[in-house]
């Protein structure tokens, strides 16, 4: 996932069919937001989530890129 428009997803679009329940997804999104891995902004009734590369890359250079590359395979 690249930075910008491709990195943004509405939280409702994250959960695959048969995946974890909504409360589990909400909890994980909250943990990632509080850890500074993601930022969330309200757009009407939806929430858009975006990866924040700068903060995690400062402490763990290349980690997010490696994780995202493994998901692309």
Protein backbone atom coordinates (compact mmCIF):
# COMPACT_ATOMS: atom_id res chain seq x y z
CA UNK A 1 0.00 0.00 0.00
CA UNK A 2 1.43 3.33 -0.99
CA UNK A 3 1.11 6.55 0.93
CA UNK A 4 -1.77 8.84 0.07
CA UNK A 5 -5.05 7.77 -1.46
CA UNK A 6 -4.13 4.08 -1.68
CA UNK A 7 -3.23 4.00 2.02
CA UNK A 8 -6.66 5.27 3.08
CA UNK A 9 -9.51 2.89 3.72
CA UNK A 10 -12.85 3.29 5.41
CA UNK A 11 -12.88 1.15 8.55
CA UNK A 12 -15.89 -0.78 7.25
CA UNK A 13 -13.84 -1.92 4.24
CA UNK A 14 -11.09 -3.48 6.32
CA UNK A 15 -13.03 -6.51 7.59
CA UNK A 16 -13.13 -9.36 5.05
CA UNK A 17 -16.19 -11.61 4.83
CA UNK A 18 -15.90 -14.20 7.58
CA UNK A 19 -13.14 -12.21 9.27
CA UNK A 20 -12.98 -10.94 12.83
CA UNK A 21 -16.07 -9.35 14.34
CA UNK A 22 -16.57 -5.58 14.26
CA UNK A 23 -15.60 -5.10 17.92
CA UNK A 24 -12.26 -6.87 17.35
CA UNK A 25 -11.50 -4.68 14.33
CA UNK A 26 -12.45 -1.55 16.31
CA UNK A 27 -10.17 -2.58 19.17
CA UNK A 28 -7.21 -3.20 16.85
CA UNK A 29 -7.77 0.10 15.06
CA UNK A 30 -7.86 1.91 18.43
CA UNK A 31 -4.59 0.26 19.52
CA UNK A 32 -2.87 1.17 16.24
CA UNK A 33 -4.18 4.75 16.44
CA UNK A 34 -2.96 5.16 20.05
CA UNK A 35 0.43 3.68 19.12
CA UNK A 36 0.82 6.25 16.34
CA UNK A 37 0.79 3.70 13.52
CA UNK A 38 -2.41 5.08 11.97
CA UNK A 39 -4.32 8.32 11.91
CA UNK A 40 -8.10 8.48 11.69
CA UNK A 41 -10.30 11.26 10.38
CA UNK A 42 -14.07 11.56 10.20
CA UNK A 43 -15.72 11.91 6.81
CA UNK A 44 -19.45 12.16 7.37
CA UNK A 45 -20.52 8.99 9.15
CA UNK A 46 -17.38 7.11 8.09
CA UNK A 47 -13.84 7.03 9.44
CA UNK A 48 -10.85 7.05 7.10
CA UNK A 49 -7.72 5.36 8.38
CA UNK A 50 -4.28 6.16 7.02
CA UNK A 51 -0.90 4.62 7.82
CA UNK A 52 1.57 7.04 9.36
CA UNK A 53 4.99 6.09 8.00
CA UNK A 54 7.08 8.83 9.62
CA UNK A 55 6.69 7.94 13.31
CA UNK A 56 7.08 4.13 13.08
CA UNK A 57 9.92 4.47 10.55
CA UNK A 58 11.81 6.72 12.97
CA UNK A 59 11.90 3.96 15.59
CA UNK A 60 11.88 0.92 13.29
CA UNK A 61 13.27 1.84 9.85
CA UNK A 62 11.86 -0.29 7.05
CA UNK A 63 9.45 -2.31 9.23
CA UNK A 64 6.19 -1.00 7.72
CA UNK A 65 7.55 -1.33 4.19
CA UNK A 66 8.53 -4.96 4.86
CA UNK A 67 5.10 -5.78 6.32
CA UNK A 68 3.27 -4.11 3.45
CA UNK A 69 5.45 -5.89 0.87
CA UNK A 70 4.71 -9.26 2.50
CA UNK A 71 0.96 -8.52 2.27
CA UNK A 72 1.27 -7.67 -1.43
CA UNK A 73 2.67 -11.12 -2.26
